[in-house]
């Protein structure tokens, strides 16, 4: 049995953010899927209305985004509790940023199903460390480029905002926040390679702690 391959697949394919997202949608009833579909269509329509200078677009945008996030949050909670167990009953991460708690429970269940023991996982720590070192050595520093890009963007944005009156500033500001939250949600589904490897090692450490109790 290739324990390293099982652990690798358990993290990258059985407990990824994308896997959790699609599992959450599939877990919903027909009514839940209809609700999500209507809100997604409403969100798309709201973007069109917003950029055609319709005041109703911003209100619809906020309502649909809240509807989507609220429904996904509830469905995820039901999925995890009924399929993977209560987080308080395991060594799941206390910080649920990027849905770590839910995905660790998915990761753990996959390893349990494949009869992976603590010793199997411990034998793979050297491999995950090597993978992290390889990725880190190949990374190209982009911090200065990111800072420059952010500075240019803020400069252009500042010049644009100075031409707006108070009402327009509030409208644009709210629009920016709403759209940024949605973009952040999409980006969160695609973490970097080094972030995934470090999180995978963290999940492995949690699993070793849990199976040794």
Protein backbone atom coordinates (compact mmCIF):
# COMPACT_ATOMS: atom_id res chain seq x y z
CA UNK A 1 0.00 0.00 0.00
CA UNK A 2 1.39 3.41 -0.99
CA UNK A 3 0.66 5.39 2.16
CA UNK A 4 2.15 8.61 0.78
CA UNK A 5 -0.11 8.48 -2.27
CA UNK A 6 -3.20 7.86 -0.13
CA UNK A 7 -2.37 10.82 2.13
CA UNK A 8 -1.61 13.03 -0.88
CA UNK A 9 -4.88 12.16 -2.61
CA UNK A 10 -6.83 12.50 0.65
CA UNK A 11 -5.72 16.10 0.95
CA UNK A 12 -5.59 17.29 -2.66
CA UNK A 13 -8.71 15.54 -3.96
CA UNK A 14 -10.85 14.42 -1.04
CA UNK A 15 -10.64 17.48 1.22
CA UNK A 16 -9.82 20.41 -1.05
CA UNK A 17 -11.75 23.68 -0.95
CA UNK A 18 -13.25 22.91 -4.33
CA UNK A 19 -14.32 19.45 -3.15
CA UNK A 20 -16.00 20.95 -0.09
CA UNK A 21 -17.75 23.58 -2.23
CA UNK A 22 -19.21 21.09 -4.70
CA UNK A 23 -20.04 18.57 -1.95
CA UNK A 24 -21.94 21.33 -0.16
CA UNK A 25 -23.98 22.13 -3.26
CA UNK A 26 -24.68 18.45 -4.00
CA UNK A 27 -25.75 17.91 -0.39
CA UNK A 28 -28.56 20.44 -0.75
CA UNK A 29 -32.12 19.47 -1.59
CA UNK A 30 -33.79 20.42 -4.87
CA UNK A 31 -35.25 23.47 -3.14
CA UNK A 32 -31.78 24.51 -1.92
CA UNK A 33 -30.34 24.19 -5.43
CA UNK A 34 -33.20 26.21 -6.91
CA UNK A 35 -32.66 28.90 -4.26
CA UNK A 36 -28.94 29.06 -5.05
CA UNK A 37 -29.56 29.12 -8.80
CA UNK A 38 -32.03 31.99 -8.51
CA UNK A 39 -29.64 33.98 -6.35
CA UNK A 40 -26.73 33.37 -8.72
CA UNK A 41 -28.84 34.53 -11.66
CA UNK A 42 -29.96 37.50 -9.60
CA UNK A 43 -26.33 38.30 -8.76
CA UNK A 44 -25.37 38.29 -12.45
CA UNK A 45 -28.37 40.46 -13.32
CA UNK A 46 -27.48 42.82 -10.46
CA UNK A 47 -23.97 43.32 -11.84
CA UNK A 48 -25.44 44.26 -15.21
CA UNK A 49 -27.92 46.67 -13.60
CA UNK A 50 -25.18 48.12 -11.43
CA UNK A 51 -22.96 48.98 -14.37
CA UNK A 52 -25.87 50.42 -16.34
CA UNK A 53 -26.28 53.00 -13.57
CA UNK A 54 -29.40 51.46 -12.07
CA UNK A 55 -29.80 52.19 -8.35
CA UNK A 56 -31.67 48.90 -7.92
CA UNK A 57 -28.57 46.96 -8.98
CA UNK A 58 -26.67 47.60 -5.77
CA UNK A 59 -29.55 46.52 -3.55
CA UNK A 60 -30.13 43.35 -5.58
CA UNK A 61 -26.39 42.64 -5.56
CA UNK A 62 -26.25 42.75 -1.76
CA UNK A 63 -29.41 40.66 -1.29
CA UNK A 64 -28.29 37.92 -3.70
CA UNK A 65 -24.77 37.74 -2.30
CA UNK A 66 -26.06 37.43 1.26
CA UNK A 67 -28.52 34.76 0.12
CA UNK A 68 -25.78 32.71 -1.55
CA UNK A 69 -23.35 32.95 1.38
CA UNK A 70 -26.06 32.25 3.97
CA UNK A 71 -27.35 29.16 2.16
CA UNK A 72 -23.84 27.76 1.53
CA UNK A 73 -22.91 28.31 5.18
CA UNK A 74 -25.97 26.40 6.42
CA UNK A 75 -25.55 23.58 3.92
CA UNK A 76 -21.87 23.19 4.79
CA UNK A 77 -22.69 22.95 8.49
CA UNK A 78 -25.28 20.24 7.88
CA UNK A 79 -22.98 18.33 5.51
CA UNK A 80 -20.03 18.28 7.91
CA UNK A 81 -22.10 17.40 10.98
CA UNK A 82 -24.02 14.56 9.30
CA UNK A 83 -21.25 13.13 7.13
CA UNK A 84 -18.01 13.76 9.03
CA UNK A 85 -18.96 14.32 12.67
CA UNK A 86 -19.00 17.25 15.06
CA UNK A 87 -15.77 19.33 15.05
CA UNK A 88 -15.75 19.45 18.86
CA UNK A 89 -15.37 15.67 18.98
CA UNK A 90 -12.00 15.69 17.18
CA UNK A 91 -8.67 17.52 16.98
CA UNK A 92 -10.07 19.76 14.23
CA UNK A 93 -8.46 23.22 13.86
CA UNK A 94 -9.99 25.89 16.06
CA UNK A 95 -9.49 28.45 13.29
CA UNK A 96 -11.98 27.83 10.47
CA UNK A 97 -10.27 30.22 8.07
CA UNK A 98 -10.55 28.80 4.54
CA UNK A 99 -12.80 26.10 6.04
CA UNK A 100 -9.88 24.30 7.70
CA UNK A 101 -12.12 22.66 10.31
CA UNK A 102 -14.49 21.12 7.79
CA UNK A 103 -11.77 20.00 5.42
CA UNK A 104 -9.69 18.41 8.17
CA UNK A 105 -12.68 16.25 9.10
CA UNK A 106 -12.96 15.19 5.44
CA UNK A 107 -9.23 14.45 5.36
CA UNK A 108 -9.39 12.45 8.58
CA UNK A 109 -12.31 10.34 7.43
CA UNK A 110 -10.53 9.44 4.20
CA UNK A 111 -7.42 8.28 6.08
CA UNK A 112 -9.53 6.30 8.55
CA UNK A 113 -11.37 4.64 5.67
CA UNK A 114 -8.02 3.68 4.13
CA UNK A 115 -6.75 2.34 7.50
CA UNK A 116 -3.87 4.83 7.68
CA UNK A 117 -2.20 4.74 11.10
CA UNK A 118 -0.09 7.27 12.96
CA UNK A 119 3.12 5.47 11.99
CA UNK A 120 2.13 5.58 8.30
CA UNK A 121 1.71 9.35 8.48
CA UNK A 122 4.90 9.90 10.46
CA UNK A 123 6.88 8.07 7.77
CA UNK A 124 5.70 10.69 5.24
CA UNK A 125 6.73 13.86 7.09
CA UNK A 126 10.17 13.86 5.46
CA UNK A 127 8.51 13.70 2.04
CA UNK A 128 6.16 16.62 2.71
CA UNK A 129 9.08 18.67 4.07
CA UNK A 130 11.04 17.97 0.89
CA UNK A 131 8.08 19.01 -1.25
CA UNK A 132 7.82 22.30 0.68
CA UNK A 133 11.56 22.98 0.25
CA UNK A 134 11.34 22.35 -3.50
CA UNK A 135 8.44 24.75 -3.95
CA UNK A 136 10.02 27.44 -1.76
CA UNK A 137 13.31 27.24 -3.66
CA UNK A 138 11.49 27.70 -6.98
CA UNK A 139 9.38 30.67 -5.85
CA UNK A 140 10.14 33.97 -7.58
CA UNK A 141 9.98 36.96 -5.22
CA UNK A 142 6.99 39.09 -6.22
CA UNK A 143 6.58 41.18 -3.09
CA UNK A 144 8.03 44.34 -4.64
CA UNK A 145 5.95 43.90 -7.80
CA UNK A 146 2.79 43.41 -5.74
CA UNK A 147 3.52 46.52 -3.69
CA UNK A 148 4.10 48.56 -6.82
CA UNK A 149 0.90 47.29 -8.44
CA UNK A 150 -1.12 48.00 -5.30
CA UNK A 151 0.34 51.52 -5.10
CA UNK A 152 -0.52 52.27 -8.72
CA UNK A 153 -4.04 50.91 -8.27
CA UNK A 154 -4.67 53.01 -5.15
CA UNK A 155 -3.28 56.08 -6.91
CA UNK A 156 -5.61 55.67 -9.87
CA UNK A 157 -8.54 54.92 -7.53
CA UNK A 158 -7.78 58.03 -5.47
CA UNK A 159 -7.76 60.23 -8.57
CA UNK A 160 -11.09 58.77 -9.65
CA UNK A 161 -12.73 59.18 -6.24
CA UNK A 162 -11.76 62.86 -5.98
CA UNK A 163 -14.09 63.57 -8.90
CA UNK A 164 -17.13 62.11 -7.14
CA UNK A 165 -19.53 63.78 -4.77
CA UNK A 166 -20.41 62.34 -1.35
CA UNK A 167 -23.40 60.28 -2.55
CA UNK A 168 -21.41 58.80 -5.42
CA UNK A 169 -18.52 57.99 -3.10
CA UNK A 170 -20.80 56.05 -0.75
CA UNK A 171 -22.37 54.19 -3.68
CA UNK A 172 -19.02 53.27 -5.22
CA UNK A 173 -17.59 52.31 -1.82
CA UNK A 174 -20.42 49.92 -1.01
CA UNK A 175 -20.20 48.43 -4.50
CA UNK A 176 -16.47 47.91 -4.09
CA UNK A 177 -16.93 46.10 -0.76
CA UNK A 178 -19.68 43.80 -2.08
CA UNK A 179 -17.82 42.84 -5.24
CA UNK A 180 -14.51 42.44 -3.36
CA UNK A 181 -16.09 39.99 -0.91
CA UNK A 182 -17.37 37.85 -3.77
CA UNK A 183 -14.01 37.95 -5.55
CA UNK A 184 -12.24 37.01 -2.30
CA UNK A 185 -14.56 34.00 -1.99
CA UNK A 186 -13.66 32.83 -5.51
CA UNK A 187 -9.93 33.38 -4.95
CA UNK A 188 -10.09 31.39 -1.70
CA UNK A 189 -10.97 28.30 -3.75
CA UNK A 190 -7.54 28.42 -5.43
CA UNK A 191 -4.74 28.55 -2.82
CA UNK A 192 -1.06 28.57 -3.80
CA UNK A 193 0.94 25.33 -3.97
CA UNK A 194 3.08 26.21 -0.96
CA UNK A 195 -0.01 27.11 1.07
CA UNK A 196 -1.58 23.74 0.27
CA UNK A 197 1.54 21.78 1.17
CA UNK A 198 1.94 23.54 4.53
CA UNK A 199 -1.72 23.02 5.31
CA UNK A 200 -1.42 19.36 4.33
CA UNK A 201 1.43 18.96 6.83
CA UNK A 202 -0.72 20.64 9.48
CA UNK A 203 -3.55 18.19 8.80
CA UNK A 204 -1.11 15.29 9.05
CA UNK A 205 0.10 16.55 12.44
CA UNK A 206 -3.47 16.89 13.70
CA UNK A 207 -4.27 13.38 12.53
CA UNK A 208 -1.24 11.96 14.38
CA UNK A 209 -2.35 13.68 17.56
CA UNK A 210 -5.88 12.39 17.21
CA UNK A 211 -5.16 8.75 16.43
CA UNK A 212 -2.70 8.56 19.34
CA UNK A 213 -5.34 9.59 21.91
